[in-house]
Structures are given as C-alpha cells and as structure tokens.
Amino acid sequence: MKPSGAIRSKRTQRDYTLGFKLAVVSQVEKGELTYKQAQEHYGIQGRSTVLTWLRKHGRLDWTQPIEHSPMSKSKETPAQKIKRLEKQVSNLEMKNMIYGDMVELLKNEYGIDLEKKYLAERSGLPKKKAP
C-alpha cells in the first residue's frame, strides 16, 4: 500500500495492453465515444495517444483531419442520416432506371447500341477498322 503522499509516475504507451487499445479503438469507431472522450474517460494522458491507436489499429481512415462542413453543424441524428441516404439511393435507382430506358430506346428506335460500344472501349480491345 502506497503512502498518501507518494508521487505517481506518468504512464507510458507501454503500460496499455493491446487488448485495451483495441477495445478503446472499437468504442471510438462504433461512435460510442469520441477519441477525446475516450482519452478523458480512461485517463489517458497523451493528447494524441488514442488517435495514434486509431491510426495504427483502426479500420477507418484516421490519417486525415476531420473537416467540419456546414452539414455537420446540424447534428444529424443516425435516423436522419439513414433517411437522407435512403432517399439518395432511391433517387439514384430511379435515375439508373431512366438511363436504362433511354439506352433501350436508342437501341430499338435508332439502332444505336451504346452498351456494346461502351463495353468494347472499356475492355481495351482494338476497334475494328472499316474495309
């Protein structure tokens, strides 16, 4: 038992087990805590220690600083984000369907087959020269 007046030594990164680091990284990447909140919650002294762990052990890209856009100031809830993204997907699916109908119309009405031309160009095959 230490006397109450004992000087406490500072912890180093070597004091944290890999399991602890991975648990903190997981909590941050799941959105349960920000990396600053995790640092405060667990008493991690270094200002960039958790960020270093995220860069080393995380699955997300933590190399770039987060830029806060005007959209992020609105504090969009996960449910609102899901709804916005579902609407975006729906709009893109409708646009894709319209483009598909246009390609089909060009093929049937005008004999223009965009799909074959596009696929041939993408495959890198040489174009056939007219005799």
Protein backbone atom coordinates (compact mmCIF):
# COMPACT_ATOMS: atom_id res chain seq x y z
CA MET A 1 0.00 0.00 0.00
CA LYS A 2 1.39 3.39 -1.04
CA PRO A 3 1.51 6.28 1.38
CA SER A 4 -0.88 9.09 0.50
CA GLY A 5 1.99 11.46 -0.24
CA ALA A 6 3.66 9.15 -2.81
CA ILE A 7 4.50 10.64 -6.20
CA ARG A 8 2.67 8.92 -9.01
CA SER A 9 4.73 8.25 -12.11
CA LYS A 10 3.37 9.09 -15.53
CA ARG A 11 2.15 6.21 -17.63
CA THR A 12 3.66 5.42 -20.98
CA GLN A 13 2.11 3.73 -24.01
CA ARG A 14 3.81 0.51 -22.99
CA ASP A 15 1.52 0.35 -19.98
CA TYR A 16 -1.55 -0.23 -22.15
CA THR A 17 -2.19 -3.77 -23.34
CA LEU A 18 -3.04 -4.45 -26.94
CA GLY A 19 -6.46 -5.68 -25.84
CA PHE A 20 -7.15 -2.40 -24.04
CA LYS A 21 -6.04 -0.37 -27.07
CA LEU A 22 -8.25 -2.43 -29.39
CA ALA A 23 -11.23 -2.05 -27.03
CA VAL A 24 -10.80 1.75 -26.98
CA VAL A 25 -10.40 1.85 -30.78
CA SER A 26 -13.55 -0.26 -31.17
CA GLN A 27 -15.57 2.06 -28.92
CA VAL A 28 -14.44 5.12 -30.84
CA GLU A 29 -15.08 3.58 -34.27
CA LYS A 30 -18.56 2.43 -33.20
CA GLY A 31 -19.33 6.01 -32.23
CA GLU A 32 -19.80 5.26 -28.53
CA LEU A 33 -17.12 7.81 -27.64
CA THR A 34 -15.06 10.40 -29.49
CA TYR A 35 -11.34 9.86 -29.24
CA LYS A 36 -11.11 12.83 -26.86
CA GLN A 37 -13.91 11.43 -24.69
CA ALA A 38 -12.14 8.04 -24.60
CA GLN A 39 -8.94 9.77 -23.53
CA GLU A 40 -10.77 11.57 -20.74
CA HIS A 41 -12.86 8.54 -19.70
CA TYR A 42 -9.87 6.20 -19.35
CA GLY A 43 -7.44 8.82 -18.01
CA ILE A 44 -5.07 8.58 -20.97
CA GLN A 45 -2.66 11.49 -20.59
CA GLY A 46 -1.24 11.96 -24.08
CA ARG A 47 -3.33 14.24 -26.29
CA SER A 48 -2.75 12.14 -29.40
CA THR A 49 -2.35 8.68 -27.85
CA VAL A 50 -5.84 7.45 -28.75
CA LEU A 51 -5.54 9.00 -32.22
CA THR A 52 -2.27 7.12 -32.69
CA TRP A 53 -4.01 3.88 -31.71
CA LEU A 54 -6.81 4.63 -34.17
CA ARG A 55 -4.32 5.17 -36.98
CA LYS A 56 -2.42 2.01 -36.09
CA HIS A 57 -5.21 -0.42 -35.16
CA GLY A 58 -8.41 1.14 -36.53
CA ARG A 59 -10.36 0.03 -39.56
CA LEU A 60 -11.29 3.56 -40.63
CA ASP A 61 -9.02 6.14 -42.26
CA TRP A 62 -7.73 8.32 -39.43
CA THR A 63 -4.85 9.85 -41.40
CA GLN A 64 -6.72 12.98 -42.50
CA PRO A 65 -8.06 15.56 -40.05
CA ILE A 66 -11.84 15.78 -39.93
CA GLU A 67 -13.17 18.79 -41.80
CA HIS A 68 -16.39 20.09 -40.39
CA SER A 69 -18.78 21.06 -43.16
CA PRO A 70 -21.91 23.19 -42.66
CA MET A 71 -23.93 19.95 -42.87
CA SER A 72 -22.20 18.52 -39.79
CA LYS A 73 -23.20 21.56 -37.70
CA SER A 74 -26.83 20.50 -37.95
CA LYS A 75 -26.01 17.47 -35.77
CA GLU A 76 -27.83 14.98 -37.99
CA THR A 77 -29.04 12.00 -35.96
CA PRO A 78 -28.30 8.47 -37.22
CA ALA A 79 -32.00 8.04 -38.09
CA GLN A 80 -31.98 11.28 -40.10
CA LYS A 81 -28.80 10.25 -41.87
CA ILE A 82 -30.29 6.86 -42.76
CA LYS A 83 -33.44 8.54 -44.10
CA ARG A 84 -31.38 11.02 -46.18
CA LEU A 85 -29.18 8.24 -47.58
CA GLU A 86 -32.19 6.02 -48.38
CA LYS A 87 -33.74 8.92 -50.34
CA GLN A 88 -30.43 9.42 -52.15
CA VAL A 89 -30.30 5.72 -53.08
CA SER A 90 -33.90 5.83 -54.27
CA ASN A 91 -33.17 8.84 -56.49
CA LEU A 92 -30.09 7.15 -57.94
CA GLU A 93 -32.03 3.94 -58.63
CA MET A 94 -34.70 5.95 -60.46
CA LYS A 95 -32.05 7.81 -62.46
CA ASN A 96 -30.40 4.49 -63.36
CA MET A 97 -33.75 3.09 -64.50
CA ILE A 98 -34.36 6.14 -66.71
CA TYR A 99 -30.88 5.85 -68.25
CA GLY A 100 -31.51 2.17 -68.90
CA ASP A 101 -34.79 3.01 -70.64
CA MET A 102 -33.03 5.66 -72.75
CA VAL A 103 -30.33 3.18 -73.81
CA GLU A 104 -33.04 0.63 -74.70
CA LEU A 105 -34.95 3.28 -76.69
CA LEU A 106 -31.83 4.27 -78.64
CA LYS A 107 -31.16 0.61 -79.39
CA ASN A 108 -34.71 -0.22 -80.52
CA GLU A 109 -35.69 3.02 -82.29
CA TYR A 110 -32.41 4.17 -83.79
CA GLY A 111 -30.24 1.03 -83.90
CA ILE A 112 -27.61 2.61 -81.64
CA ASP A 113 -26.18 0.06 -79.21
CA LEU A 114 -24.39 2.07 -76.54
CA GLU A 115 -23.79 -0.92 -74.29
CA LYS A 116 -21.68 -2.84 -76.81
CA LYS A 117 -19.68 0.25 -77.76
CA TYR A 118 -19.07 1.17 -74.14
CA LEU A 119 -18.08 -2.36 -73.11
CA ALA A 120 -15.69 -2.69 -76.06
CA GLU A 121 -13.99 0.59 -75.18
CA ARG A 122 -13.70 -0.42 -71.51
CA SER A 123 -12.21 -3.83 -72.33
CA GLY A 124 -9.26 -2.28 -74.16
CA LEU A 125 -9.85 -4.37 -77.29
CA PRO A 126 -8.75 -2.73 -80.53
CA LYS A 127 -11.54 -1.21 -82.58
CA LYS A 128 -12.40 -2.89 -85.87
CA LYS A 129 -11.44 -0.78 -88.86
CA ALA A 130 -13.89 -0.34 -91.72
CA PRO A 131 -12.67 -2.01 -95.00
